């Protein structure tokens, strides 16, 4: 399968540079796998598409101010570090620019608050650093770090919390689970009042989600692992949903990767895990019936996942329709809801 099959031409002006004033005012494209219909709506009406007894699963990860700008101690060259994952106490896997300037033993200075010493050089611009500081690390990050907005967003984000979901709770992500950015507290309350059960899992977004696909063939792409967590209560409720044939609706590609990775031997399990699952057309979904997601980058692993959930032709046609209707794309863009027949 060719990566180029998932390419499309997007006018630059359709890349959303900032969030809407009201989160749930975004457009909503509703695709139905049963009758192949396509409906244009607004996100604040999404509650109308849910039924009593549905189970809505959201990723409650919280984004770190993970982008740090410092100076290489030896040369004072400018170095940018993106924190990806804490692999040991104060030891972080990071993405570095320019990576070629950082070798084992090199130090990067961040004002007088933080020193990062390179412990290991990995491929694809990855470096492992030991962080040395005085005080509490997250407080230092709040002072030094900035929100890790994707490179296609060039405007300054005025309010940091707009790159967080309203239910963000577990700190640890290098990027936001953007499908959840459309929800407001009032909308979540309306969904609960309709009799929909809302459950939270945690997947800390890292390189696996946002790394570009640089191979020619889809099957040759390597997904990096990401850590996730499911509580015992949520695992129990998800198992109840499966056993009672309730619809499971995933909010975002991160939630769907948690659910599909974790469901084994006909049940969900609780605890801390990691996943490098790569979902592309041909994948047979086990438990997720419906998906709420954003409009993704061309040739990305995310558009491949969405294409697997429905089919490539329908998704690519829907993207063309979205472009024609001037939908806003990517992180701060509009939303898609893929409905369909139950899988179980």
C-alpha atoms as a PDB file:
ATOM      1  CA  UNK A   1       0.000   0.000   0.000  1.00  0.00           C
ATOM      2  CA  UNK A   2       1.490   3.340  -1.070  1.00  0.00           C
ATOM      3  CA  UNK A   3       1.732   6.290   1.308  1.00  0.00           C
ATOM      4  CA  UNK A   4       1.018   8.565  -1.665  1.00  0.00           C
ATOM      5  CA  UNK A   5      -2.487   7.044  -1.847  1.00  0.00           C
ATOM      6  CA  UNK A   6      -3.299   9.093   1.270  1.00  0.00           C
ATOM      7  CA  UNK A   7      -2.170  12.425  -0.156  1.00  0.00           C
ATOM      8  CA  UNK A   8      -4.433  15.383  -0.944  1.00  0.00           C
ATOM      9  CA  UNK A   9      -3.994  19.037  -1.835  1.00  0.00           C
ATOM     10  CA  UNK A  10      -5.011  21.386   0.955  1.00  0.00           C
ATOM     11  CA  UNK A  11      -5.189  25.156   0.448  1.00  0.00           C
ATOM     12  CA  UNK A  12      -2.963  26.791   3.036  1.00  0.00           C
ATOM     13  CA  UNK A  13      -5.768  29.098   4.197  1.00  0.00           C
ATOM     14  CA  UNK A  14      -7.754  26.083   5.461  1.00  0.00           C
ATOM     15  CA  UNK A  15      -5.102  25.203   8.065  1.00  0.00           C
ATOM     16  CA  UNK A  16      -6.629  26.510  11.303  1.00  0.00           C
ATOM     17  CA  UNK A  17      -4.125  28.843  12.974  1.00  0.00           C
ATOM     18  CA  UNK A  18      -6.101  29.501  16.150  1.00  0.00           C
ATOM     19  CA  UNK A  19      -9.013  27.984  18.059  1.00  0.00           C
ATOM     20  CA  UNK A  20     -12.542  29.301  17.637  1.00  0.00           C
ATOM     21  CA  UNK A  21     -13.801  31.586  20.406  1.00  0.00           C
ATOM     22  CA  UNK A  22     -16.268  28.860  21.450  1.00  0.00           C
ATOM     23  CA  UNK A  23     -14.927  25.312  21.372  1.00  0.00           C
ATOM     24  CA  UNK A  24     -18.150  23.633  20.248  1.00  0.00           C
ATOM     25  CA  UNK A  25     -18.878  26.081  17.403  1.00  0.00           C
ATOM     26  CA  UNK A  26     -16.716  24.052  15.039  1.00  0.00           C
ATOM     27  CA  UNK A  27     -18.247  22.364  12.028  1.00  0.00           C
ATOM     28  CA  UNK A  28     -19.134  18.693  12.284  1.00  0.00           C
ATOM     29  CA  UNK A  29     -19.168  16.349   9.293  1.00  0.00           C
ATOM     30  CA  UNK A  30     -21.180  13.211  10.046  1.00  0.00           C
ATOM     31  CA  UNK A  31     -20.404  10.127   7.964  1.00  0.00           C
ATOM     32  CA  UNK A  32     -22.605   7.048   8.205  1.00  0.00           C
ATOM     33  CA  UNK A  33     -21.089   3.715   7.213  1.00  0.00           C
ATOM     34  CA  UNK A  34     -24.498   2.037   6.977  1.00  0.00           C
ATOM     35  CA  UNK A  35     -25.974   4.151   4.166  1.00  0.00           C
ATOM     36  CA  UNK A  36     -22.805   6.005   3.067  1.00  0.00           C
ATOM     37  CA  UNK A  37     -24.486   9.342   3.821  1.00  0.00           C
ATOM     38  CA  UNK A  38     -22.688  12.595   4.614  1.00  0.00           C
ATOM     39  CA  UNK A  39     -24.269  15.364   6.700  1.00  0.00           C
ATOM     40  CA  UNK A  40     -22.948  18.831   7.583  1.00  0.00           C
ATOM     41  CA  UNK A  41     -23.693  20.021  11.119  1.00  0.00           C
ATOM     42  CA  UNK A  42     -22.143  21.858  14.067  1.00  0.00           C
ATOM     43  CA  UNK A  43     -20.331  20.206  16.943  1.00  0.00           C
ATOM     44  CA  UNK A  44     -22.711  21.595  19.575  1.00  0.00           C
ATOM     45  CA  UNK A  45     -25.379  19.318  18.037  1.00  0.00           C
ATOM     46  CA  UNK A  46     -23.340  16.132  18.451  1.00  0.00           C
ATOM     47  CA  UNK A  47     -25.482  15.072  21.419  1.00  0.00           C
ATOM     48  CA  UNK A  48     -28.312  14.477  18.913  1.00  0.00           C
ATOM     49  CA  UNK A  49     -26.349  11.595  17.388  1.00  0.00           C
ATOM     50  CA  UNK A  50     -25.885   9.721  20.673  1.00  0.00           C
ATOM     51  CA  UNK A  51     -28.292   7.218  22.222  1.00  0.00           C
ATOM     52  CA  UNK A  52     -28.973   6.350  25.845  1.00  0.00           C
ATOM     53  CA  UNK A  53     -26.632   3.536  26.837  1.00  0.00           C
ATOM     54  CA  UNK A  54     -23.782   4.582  24.540  1.00  0.00           C
ATOM     55  CA  UNK A  55     -20.279   4.660  25.994  1.00  0.00           C
ATOM     56  CA  UNK A  56     -18.102   7.663  25.101  1.00  0.00           C
ATOM     57  CA  UNK A  57     -14.361   7.223  25.696  1.00  0.00           C
ATOM     58  CA  UNK A  58     -12.066  10.253  26.014  1.00  0.00           C
ATOM     59  CA  UNK A  59      -8.326  10.636  26.541  1.00  0.00           C
ATOM     60  CA  UNK A  60      -7.719  12.779  29.650  1.00  0.00           C
ATOM     61  CA  UNK A  61      -4.003  13.318  29.066  1.00  0.00           C
ATOM     62  CA  UNK A  62      -2.708  16.836  29.747  1.00  0.00           C
ATOM     63  CA  UNK A  63      -0.120  18.580  27.585  1.00  0.00           C
ATOM     64  CA  UNK A  64       3.218  19.505  29.107  1.00  0.00           C
ATOM     65  CA  UNK A  65       4.788  22.882  28.254  1.00  0.00           C
ATOM     66  CA  UNK A  66       7.242  20.544  26.559  1.00  0.00           C
ATOM     67  CA  UNK A  67       9.068  22.786  24.073  1.00  0.00           C
ATOM     68  CA  UNK A  68      12.299  24.202  25.510  1.00  0.00           C
ATOM     69  CA  UNK A  69      14.749  26.631  23.901  1.00  0.00           C
ATOM     70  CA  UNK A  70      18.295  26.619  25.235  1.00  0.00           C
ATOM     71  CA  UNK A  71      21.971  27.040  24.432  1.00  0.00           C
ATOM     72  CA  UNK A  72      24.574  24.345  23.899  1.00  0.00           C
ATOM     73  CA  UNK A  73      27.062  24.868  26.737  1.00  0.00           C
ATOM     74  CA  UNK A  74      30.160  24.294  24.616  1.00  0.00           C
ATOM     75  CA  UNK A  75      29.301  26.653  21.715  1.00  0.00           C
ATOM     76  CA  UNK A  76      26.206  28.636  22.809  1.00  0.00           C
ATOM     77  CA  UNK A  77      24.421  27.401  19.680  1.00  0.00           C
ATOM     78  CA  UNK A  78      20.614  27.592  19.815  1.00  0.00           C
ATOM     79  CA  UNK A  79      19.057  24.210  20.637  1.00  0.00           C
ATOM     80  CA  UNK A  80      15.376  23.283  20.748  1.00  0.00           C
ATOM     81  CA  UNK A  81      14.260  20.283  22.809  1.00  0.00           C
ATOM     82  CA  UNK A  82      10.822  18.719  22.745  1.00  0.00           C
ATOM     83  CA  UNK A  83      10.159  16.480  25.751  1.00  0.00           C
ATOM     84  CA  UNK A  84       8.520  13.248  24.637  1.00  0.00           C
ATOM     85  CA  UNK A  85       8.592  10.765  27.499  1.00  0.00           C
ATOM     86  CA  UNK A  86      10.141  10.426  30.953  1.00  0.00           C
ATOM     87  CA  UNK A  87      11.831   7.024  30.847  1.00  0.00           C
ATOM     88  CA  UNK A  88      13.398   7.222  34.326  1.00  0.00           C
ATOM     89  CA  UNK A  89      13.519   9.768  37.139  1.00  0.00           C
ATOM     90  CA  UNK A  90      14.549  13.050  35.437  1.00  0.00           C
ATOM     91  CA  UNK A  91      15.674  11.132  32.339  1.00  0.00           C
ATOM     92  CA  UNK A  92      13.735  12.113  29.205  1.00  0.00           C
ATOM     93  CA  UNK A  93      13.492  10.927  25.640  1.00  0.00           C
ATOM     94  CA  UNK A  94      13.414  14.064  23.514  1.00  0.00           C
ATOM     95  CA  UNK A  95      13.323  15.324  19.956  1.00  0.00           C
ATOM     96  CA  UNK A  96      16.142  17.780  19.250  1.00  0.00           C
ATOM     97  CA  UNK A  97      16.688  20.487  16.628  1.00  0.00           C
ATOM     98  CA  UNK A  98      19.316  20.579  15.223  1.00  0.00           C
ATOM     99  CA  UNK A  99      20.005  17.031  16.380  1.00  0.00           C
ATOM    100  CA  UNK A 100      23.379  16.806  14.608  1.00  0.00           C
ATOM    101  CA  UNK A 101      24.808  19.323  17.094  1.00  0.00           C
ATOM    102  CA  UNK A 102      24.118  17.156  20.150  1.00  0.00           C
ATOM    103  CA  UNK A 103      26.347  14.208  21.007  1.00  0.00           C
ATOM    104  CA  UNK A 104      26.710  12.123  24.188  1.00  0.00           C
ATOM    105  CA  UNK A 105      28.053  14.284  26.987  1.00  0.00           C
ATOM    106  CA  UNK A 106      26.924  17.594  25.501  1.00  0.00           C
ATOM    107  CA  UNK A 107      24.989  19.916  27.774  1.00  0.00           C
ATOM    108  CA  UNK A 108      22.136  22.292  26.974  1.00  0.00           C
ATOM    109  CA  UNK A 109      21.537  25.241  29.306  1.00  0.00           C
ATOM    110  CA  UNK A 110      18.148  26.796  29.965  1.00  0.00           C
ATOM    111  CA  UNK A 111      18.738  30.103  31.740  1.00  0.00           C
ATOM    112  CA  UNK A 112      20.092  29.270  35.195  1.00  0.00           C
ATOM    113  CA  UNK A 113      17.208  26.949  36.001  1.00  0.00           C
ATOM    114  CA  UNK A 114      17.876  23.755  34.093  1.00  0.00           C
ATOM    115  CA  UNK A 115      20.791  21.823  32.586  1.00  0.00           C
ATOM    116  CA  UNK A 116      20.211  18.896  30.229  1.00  0.00           C
ATOM    117  CA  UNK A 117      23.059  16.411  29.689  1.00  0.00           C
ATOM    118  CA  UNK A 118      22.877  14.069  26.694  1.00  0.00           C
ATOM    119  CA  UNK A 119      23.107  10.419  27.760  1.00  0.00           C
ATOM    120  CA  UNK A 120      22.248   8.672  24.496  1.00  0.00           C
ATOM    121  CA  UNK A 121      21.983   9.409  20.774  1.00  0.00           C
ATOM    122  CA  UNK A 122      19.137   7.712  18.907  1.00  0.00           C
ATOM    123  CA  UNK A 123      17.963   7.780  15.296  1.00  0.00           C
ATOM    124  CA  UNK A 124      15.490  10.269  13.793  1.00  0.00           C
ATOM    125  CA  UNK A 125      16.632  13.231  15.888  1.00  0.00           C
ATOM    126  CA  UNK A 126      15.940  11.525  19.217  1.00  0.00           C
ATOM    127  CA  UNK A 127      18.191  12.148  22.212  1.00  0.00           C
ATOM    128  CA  UNK A 128      18.031  11.018  25.845  1.00  0.00           C
ATOM    129  CA  UNK A 129      18.808  13.714  28.434  1.00  0.00           C
ATOM    130  CA  UNK A 130      19.365  13.767  32.177  1.00  0.00           C
ATOM    131  CA  UNK A 131      17.759  16.870  33.669  1.00  0.00           C
ATOM    132  CA  UNK A 132      19.499  18.702  36.540  1.00  0.00           C
ATOM    133  CA  UNK A 133      17.649  21.438  38.414  1.00  0.00           C
ATOM    134  CA  UNK A 134      16.718  22.765  41.829  1.00  0.00           C
ATOM    135  CA  UNK A 135      13.100  22.656  42.942  1.00  0.00           C
ATOM    136  CA  UNK A 136      10.061  21.088  41.259  1.00  0.00           C
ATOM    137  CA  UNK A 137      10.454  20.100  37.611  1.00  0.00           C
ATOM    138  CA  UNK A 138       6.927  20.971  36.446  1.00  0.00           C
ATOM    139  CA  UNK A 139       7.218  24.431  38.005  1.00  0.00           C
ATOM    140  CA  UNK A 140      10.467  24.964  36.099  1.00  0.00           C
ATOM    141  CA  UNK A 141       8.762  23.784  32.910  1.00  0.00           C
ATOM    142  CA  UNK A 142       5.974  26.295  33.498  1.00  0.00           C
ATOM    143  CA  UNK A 143       8.611  29.034  33.602  1.00  0.00           C
ATOM    144  CA  UNK A 144      10.783  27.861  30.719  1.00  0.00           C
ATOM    145  CA  UNK A 145       8.583  25.796  28.442  1.00  0.00           C
ATOM    146  CA  UNK A 146       6.022  26.643  25.810  1.00  0.00           C
ATOM    147  CA  UNK A 147       3.103  24.651  24.427  1.00  0.00           C
ATOM    148  CA  UNK A 148       4.345  22.225  21.746  1.00  0.00           C
ATOM    149  CA  UNK A 149       2.149  23.521  18.930  1.00  0.00           C
ATOM    150  CA  UNK A 150       2.616  21.749  15.590  1.00  0.00           C
ATOM    151  CA  UNK A 151       4.894  23.508  13.070  1.00  0.00           C
ATOM    152  CA  UNK A 152       1.983  24.316  10.741  1.00  0.00           C
ATOM    153  CA  UNK A 153       0.573  26.661  13.417  1.00  0.00           C
ATOM    154  CA  UNK A 154       2.529  29.885  13.078  1.00  0.00           C
ATOM    155  CA  UNK A 155       0.319  32.252  15.072  1.00  0.00           C
ATOM    156  CA  UNK A 156       0.960  32.763  18.772  1.00  0.00           C
ATOM    157  CA  UNK A 157      -1.470  30.981  21.082  1.00  0.00           C
ATOM    158  CA  UNK A 158      -2.868  33.647  23.399  1.00  0.00           C
ATOM    159  CA  UNK A 159      -4.333  31.259  25.974  1.00  0.00           C
ATOM    160  CA  UNK A 160      -2.329  28.126  26.848  1.00  0.00           C
ATOM    161  CA  UNK A 161      -5.428  26.259  28.014  1.00  0.00           C
ATOM    162  CA  UNK A 162      -6.891  26.337  24.501  1.00  0.00           C
ATOM    163  CA  UNK A 163      -4.380  23.611  23.589  1.00  0.00           C
ATOM    164  CA  UNK A 164      -5.840  21.499  26.399  1.00  0.00           C
ATOM    165  CA  UNK A 165      -9.158  19.681  26.559  1.00  0.00           C
ATOM    166  CA  UNK A 166     -11.532  20.887  29.287  1.00  0.00           C
ATOM    167  CA  UNK A 167     -11.157  17.455  30.926  1.00  0.00           C
ATOM    168  CA  UNK A 168      -7.338  17.261  30.737  1.00  0.00           C
ATOM    169  CA  UNK A 169      -6.160  15.695  33.985  1.00  0.00           C
ATOM    170  CA  UNK A 170      -3.046  13.491  33.681  1.00  0.00           C
ATOM    171  CA  UNK A 171       0.075  15.487  32.807  1.00  0.00           C
ATOM    172  CA  UNK A 172       2.447  13.907  30.311  1.00  0.00           C
ATOM    173  CA  UNK A 173       1.650  14.633  26.645  1.00  0.00           C
ATOM    174  CA  UNK A 174       3.832  16.222  23.993  1.00  0.00           C
ATOM    175  CA  UNK A 175       0.730  17.093  21.944  1.00  0.00           C
ATOM    176  CA  UNK A 176      -2.977  17.518  22.572  1.00  0.00           C
ATOM    177  CA  UNK A 177      -5.561  14.837  21.745  1.00  0.00           C
ATOM    178  CA  UNK A 178      -7.186  17.347  19.424  1.00  0.00           C
ATOM    179  CA  UNK A 179     -10.495  15.575  18.770  1.00  0.00           C
ATOM    180  CA  UNK A 180     -11.408  16.416  22.361  1.00  0.00           C
ATOM    181  CA  UNK A 181     -10.776  20.153  22.007  1.00  0.00           C
ATOM    182  CA  UNK A 182     -14.350  20.673  20.735  1.00  0.00           C
ATOM    183  CA  UNK A 183     -16.027  19.552  23.962  1.00  0.00           C
ATOM    184  CA  UNK A 184     -17.177  22.058  26.585  1.00  0.00           C
ATOM    185  CA  UNK A 185     -18.156  21.205  30.159  1.00  0.00           C
ATOM    186  CA  UNK A 186     -21.743  22.122  29.319  1.00  0.00           C
ATOM    187  CA  UNK A 187     -21.776  19.812  26.295  1.00  0.00           C
ATOM    188  CA  UNK A 188     -20.351  16.931  28.330  1.00  0.00           C
ATOM    189  CA  UNK A 189     -23.075  17.508  30.916  1.00  0.00           C
ATOM    190  CA  UNK A 190     -25.748  17.412  28.204  1.00  0.00           C
ATOM    191  CA  UNK A 191     -24.282  14.152  26.904  1.00  0.00           C
ATOM    192  CA  UNK A 192     -24.408  12.643  30.421  1.00  0.00           C
ATOM    193  CA  UNK A 193     -27.999  13.817  30.835  1.00  0.00           C
ATOM    194  CA  UNK A 194     -28.944  11.922  27.690  1.00  0.00           C
ATOM    195  CA  UNK A 195     -27.844   8.695  29.390  1.00  0.00           C
ATOM    196  CA  UNK A 196     -24.447   8.328  27.739  1.00  0.00           C
ATOM    197  CA  UNK A 197     -21.700   6.912  29.943  1.00  0.00           C
ATOM    198  CA  UNK A 198     -18.475   8.927  29.738  1.00  0.00           C
ATOM    199  CA  UNK A 199     -15.234   7.087  30.495  1.00  0.00           C
ATOM    200  CA  UNK A 200     -11.672   8.393  30.618  1.00  0.00           C
ATOM    201  CA  UNK A 201      -8.467   6.636  29.612  1.00  0.00           C
ATOM    202  CA  UNK A 202      -4.984   8.146  29.374  1.00  0.00           C
ATOM    203  CA  UNK A 203      -2.555   7.959  26.472  1.00  0.00           C
ATOM    204  CA  UNK A 204       0.348  10.379  26.607  1.00  0.00           C
ATOM    205  CA  UNK A 205       0.764  11.582  23.054  1.00  0.00           C
ATOM    206  CA  UNK A 206       4.307  11.246  21.782  1.00  0.00           C
ATOM    207  CA  UNK A 207       6.230  10.463  18.648  1.00  0.00           C
ATOM    208  CA  UNK A 208       3.972   7.543  17.703  1.00  0.00           C
ATOM    209  CA  UNK A 209       1.042   9.854  17.013  1.00  0.00           C
ATOM    210  CA  UNK A 210       2.625  12.849  15.317  1.00  0.00           C
ATOM    211  CA  UNK A 211       5.742  11.489  13.591  1.00  0.00           C
ATOM    212  CA  UNK A 212       5.471  11.875   9.776  1.00  0.00           C
ATOM    213  CA  UNK A 213       5.359   8.760   7.607  1.00  0.00           C
ATOM    214  CA  UNK A 214       8.582   8.982   5.591  1.00  0.00           C
ATOM    215  CA  UNK A 215       8.486   5.615   3.842  1.00  0.00           C
ATOM    216  CA  UNK A 216       7.089   4.945   0.356  1.00  0.00           C
ATOM    217  CA  UNK A 217       5.090   1.937   1.496  1.00  0.00           C
ATOM    218  CA  UNK A 218       2.649   2.127   4.414  1.00  0.00           C
ATOM    219  CA  UNK A 219       3.715  -1.248   5.786  1.00  0.00           C
ATOM    220  CA  UNK A 220       7.324  -0.095   6.199  1.00  0.00           C
ATOM    221  CA  UNK A 221       6.479   2.727   8.626  1.00  0.00           C
ATOM    222  CA  UNK A 222       7.687   2.200  12.197  1.00  0.00           C
ATOM    223  CA  UNK A 223       5.412   3.436  14.987  1.00  0.00           C
ATOM    224  CA  UNK A 224       7.079   4.571  18.206  1.00  0.00           C
ATOM    225  CA  UNK A 225       5.498   3.332  21.429  1.00  0.00           C
ATOM    226  CA  UNK A 226       3.358   5.527  23.676  1.00  0.00           C
ATOM    227  CA  UNK A 227       2.358   4.928  27.294  1.00  0.00           C
ATOM    228  CA  UNK A 228      -1.274   4.528  28.304  1.00  0.00           C
ATOM    229  CA  UNK A 229      -3.316   3.780  31.412  1.00  0.00           C
ATOM    230  CA  UNK A 230      -6.739   2.289  32.106  1.00  0.00           C
ATOM    231  CA  UNK A 231      -8.109   2.226  35.660  1.00  0.00           C
ATOM    232  CA  UNK A 232      -9.734  -0.896  37.107  1.00  0.00           C
ATOM    233  CA  UNK A 233     -13.119   0.869  37.222  1.00  0.00           C
ATOM    234  CA  UNK A 234     -12.938   1.949  33.584  1.00  0.00           C
ATOM    235  CA  UNK A 235     -11.798  -1.521  32.466  1.00  0.00           C
ATOM    236  CA  UNK A 236     -14.768  -3.011  34.320  1.00  0.00           C
ATOM    237  CA  UNK A 237     -17.194  -0.562  32.713  1.00  0.00           C
ATOM    238  CA  UNK A 238     -15.745  -1.196  29.261  1.00  0.00           C
ATOM    239  CA  UNK A 239     -16.124  -4.938  29.757  1.00  0.00           C
ATOM    240  CA  UNK A 240     -19.719  -4.335  30.790  1.00  0.00           C
ATOM    241  CA  UNK A 241     -20.225  -2.343  27.574  1.00  0.00           C
ATOM    242  CA  UNK A 242     -18.875  -5.215  25.481  1.00  0.00           C
ATOM    243  CA  UNK A 243     -20.875  -7.869  27.336  1.00  0.00           C
ATOM    244  CA  UNK A 244     -24.077  -5.855  27.028  1.00  0.00           C
ATOM    245  CA  UNK A 245     -23.519  -4.920  23.393  1.00  0.00           C
ATOM    246  CA  UNK A 246     -23.377  -1.162  24.041  1.00  0.00           C
ATOM    247  CA  UNK A 247     -21.982   1.147  21.386  1.00  0.00           C
ATOM    248  CA  UNK A 248     -18.413   2.249  22.146  1.00  0.00           C
ATOM    249  CA  UNK A 249     -17.582   5.674  20.716  1.00  0.00           C
ATOM    250  CA  UNK A 250     -13.928   6.737  20.745  1.00  0.00           C
ATOM    251  CA  UNK A 251     -13.009  10.409  20.873  1.00  0.00           C
ATOM    252  CA  UNK A 252      -9.847  10.713  18.830  1.00  0.00           C
ATOM    253  CA  UNK A 253      -7.254   8.416  17.338  1.00  0.00           C
ATOM    254  CA  UNK A 254      -5.438   8.184  20.687  1.00  0.00           C
ATOM    255  CA  UNK A 255      -8.523   6.768  22.431  1.00  0.00           C
ATOM    256  CA  UNK A 256      -9.086   4.276  19.636  1.00  0.00           C
ATOM    257  CA  UNK A 257      -5.461   3.111  19.871  1.00  0.00           C
ATOM    258  CA  UNK A 258      -5.865   2.542  23.618  1.00  0.00           C
ATOM    259  CA  UNK A 259      -9.063   0.552  23.201  1.00  0.00           C
ATOM    260  CA  UNK A 260      -7.929  -1.569  20.269  1.00  0.00           C
ATOM    261  CA  UNK A 261      -4.503  -2.238  21.841  1.00  0.00           C
ATOM    262  CA  UNK A 262      -5.872  -3.192  25.232  1.00  0.00           C
ATOM    263  CA  UNK A 263      -8.753  -5.482  24.249  1.00  0.00           C
ATOM    264  CA  UNK A 264      -7.344  -9.013  24.238  1.00  0.00           C
ATOM    265  CA  UNK A 265      -8.868 -12.423  24.995  1.00  0.00           C
ATOM    266  CA  UNK A 266     -12.308 -10.772  24.790  1.00  0.00           C
ATOM    267  CA  UNK A 267     -11.729  -8.381  27.666  1.00  0.00           C
ATOM    268  CA  UNK A 268     -10.168  -5.096  28.716  1.00  0.00           C
ATOM    269  CA  UNK A 269      -7.378  -5.048  31.294  1.00  0.00           C
ATOM    270  CA  UNK A 270      -6.437  -2.339  33.771  1.00  0.00           C
ATOM    271  CA  UNK A 271      -3.016  -0.891  34.545  1.00  0.00           C
ATOM    272  CA  UNK A 272      -0.125   0.859  32.806  1.00  0.00           C
ATOM    273  CA  UNK A 273       0.808  -0.282  29.309  1.00  0.00           C
ATOM    274  CA  UNK A 274       2.512   0.895  26.143  1.00  0.00           C
ATOM    275  CA  UNK A 275       1.408   0.531  22.533  1.00  0.00           C
ATOM    276  CA  UNK A 276       2.976   0.920  19.112  1.00  0.00           C
ATOM    277  CA  UNK A 277      -0.132  -0.243  17.259  1.00  0.00           C
ATOM    278  CA  UNK A 278      -0.230   1.008  13.664  1.00  0.00           C
ATOM    279  CA  UNK A 279      -3.739   0.966  12.240  1.00  0.00           C
ATOM    280  CA  UNK A 280      -4.137   1.279   8.479  1.00  0.00           C
ATOM    281  CA  UNK A 281      -6.600  -0.141   5.888  1.00  0.00           C
ATOM    282  CA  UNK A 282      -6.963  -3.886   6.287  1.00  0.00           C
ATOM    283  CA  UNK A 283      -7.024  -3.678  10.096  1.00  0.00           C
ATOM    284  CA  UNK A 284     -10.073  -5.382  11.648  1.00  0.00           C
ATOM    285  CA  UNK A 285     -11.446  -3.338  14.541  1.00  0.00           C
ATOM    286  CA  UNK A 286     -12.361  -5.328  17.625  1.00  0.00           C
ATOM    287  CA  UNK A 287     -14.391  -3.067  19.895  1.00  0.00           C
ATOM    288  CA  UNK A 288     -14.752   0.533  18.725  1.00  0.00           C
ATOM    289  CA  UNK A 289     -18.027   1.153  16.914  1.00  0.00           C
ATOM    290  CA  UNK A 290     -17.841   4.870  16.172  1.00  0.00           C
ATOM    291  CA  UNK A 291     -15.152   7.552  16.005  1.00  0.00           C
ATOM    292  CA  UNK A 292     -14.991  11.303  16.560  1.00  0.00           C
ATOM    293  CA  UNK A 293     -11.869  12.795  15.009  1.00  0.00           C
ATOM    294  CA  UNK A 294     -10.396  15.881  13.371  1.00  0.00           C
ATOM    295  CA  UNK A 295      -9.244  16.366   9.771  1.00  0.00           C
ATOM    296  CA  UNK A 296      -5.671  15.116   9.555  1.00  0.00           C
ATOM    297  CA  UNK A 297      -2.497  15.823   7.618  1.00  0.00           C
ATOM    298  CA  UNK A 298      -2.024  14.199   4.209  1.00  0.00           C
ATOM    299  CA  UNK A 299       0.039  10.994   4.218  1.00  0.00           C
ATOM    300  CA  UNK A 300      -0.097  10.791   8.032  1.00  0.00           C
ATOM    301  CA  UNK A 301      -0.633   7.675  10.145  1.00  0.00           C
ATOM    302  CA  UNK A 302      -3.798   9.381  11.441  1.00  0.00           C
ATOM    303  CA  UNK A 303      -5.539   9.644   8.064  1.00  0.00           C
ATOM    304  CA  UNK A 304      -4.569   6.007   7.504  1.00  0.00           C
ATOM    305  CA  UNK A 305      -6.260   5.029  10.780  1.00  0.00           C
ATOM    306  CA  UNK A 306      -9.422   6.940   9.857  1.00  0.00           C
ATOM    307  CA  UNK A 307      -9.383   5.328   6.411  1.00  0.00           C
ATOM    308  CA  UNK A 308      -9.164   1.919   8.059  1.00  0.00           C
ATOM    309  CA  UNK A 309     -12.149   2.762  10.255  1.00  0.00           C
ATOM    310  CA  UNK A 310     -14.366   3.485   7.254  1.00  0.00           C
ATOM    311  CA  UNK A 311     -12.662   2.987   3.875  1.00  0.00           C
ATOM    312  CA  UNK A 312     -10.043   4.973   2.000  1.00  0.00           C
ATOM    313  CA  UNK A 313     -12.258   6.031  -0.891  1.00  0.00           C
ATOM    314  CA  UNK A 314     -15.034   7.374   1.350  1.00  0.00           C
ATOM    315  CA  UNK A 315     -12.582   9.236   3.595  1.00  0.00           C
ATOM    316  CA  UNK A 316     -10.697  10.834   0.715  1.00  0.00           C
ATOM    317  CA  UNK A 317     -14.019  11.888  -0.852  1.00  0.00           C
ATOM    318  CA  UNK A 318     -15.106  13.337   2.500  1.00  0.00           C
ATOM    319  CA  UNK A 319     -11.856  15.332   2.674  1.00  0.00           C
ATOM    320  CA  UNK A 320     -12.509  16.745  -0.804  1.00  0.00           C
ATOM    321  CA  UNK A 321     -15.995  17.725   0.346  1.00  0.00           C
ATOM    322  CA  UNK A 322     -14.538  19.346   3.465  1.00  0.00           C
ATOM    323  CA  UNK A 323     -12.138  21.388   1.332  1.00  0.00           C
ATOM    324  CA  UNK A 324     -14.965  22.468  -0.971  1.00  0.00           C
ATOM    325  CA  UNK A 325     -17.059  23.511   2.056  1.00  0.00           C
ATOM    326  CA  UNK A 326     -14.125  25.429   3.588  1.00  0.00           C
ATOM    327  CA  UNK A 327     -13.750  23.258   6.682  1.00  0.00           C
ATOM    328  CA  UNK A 328     -10.851  24.164   8.961  1.00  0.00           C
ATOM    329  CA  UNK A 329      -8.132  21.492   9.143  1.00  0.00           C
ATOM    330  CA  UNK A 330      -5.737  19.947  11.686  1.00  0.00           C
ATOM    331  CA  UNK A 331      -5.325  20.630  15.420  1.00  0.00           C
ATOM    332  CA  UNK A 332      -7.580  23.692  15.812  1.00  0.00           C
ATOM    333  CA  UNK A 333      -9.812  22.655  12.924  1.00  0.00           C
ATOM    334  CA  UNK A 334     -13.249  21.128  12.511  1.00  0.00           C
ATOM    335  CA  UNK A 335     -14.522  17.679  13.393  1.00  0.00           C
ATOM    336  CA  UNK A 336     -15.708  14.459  11.788  1.00  0.00           C
ATOM    337  CA  UNK A 337     -17.994  11.839  13.338  1.00  0.00           C
ATOM    338  CA  UNK A 338     -17.938   8.404  11.703  1.00  0.00           C
ATOM    339  CA  UNK A 339     -21.026   6.428  12.620  1.00  0.00           C
ATOM    340  CA  UNK A 340     -21.696   2.873  11.590  1.00  0.00           C
ATOM    341  CA  UNK A 341     -22.919  -0.622  12.148  1.00  0.00           C
ATOM    342  CA  UNK A 342     -21.953  -2.346  15.392  1.00  0.00           C
ATOM    343  CA  UNK A 343     -18.851  -4.491  15.168  1.00  0.00           C
ATOM    344  CA  UNK A 344     -19.849  -7.083  17.752  1.00  0.00           C
END
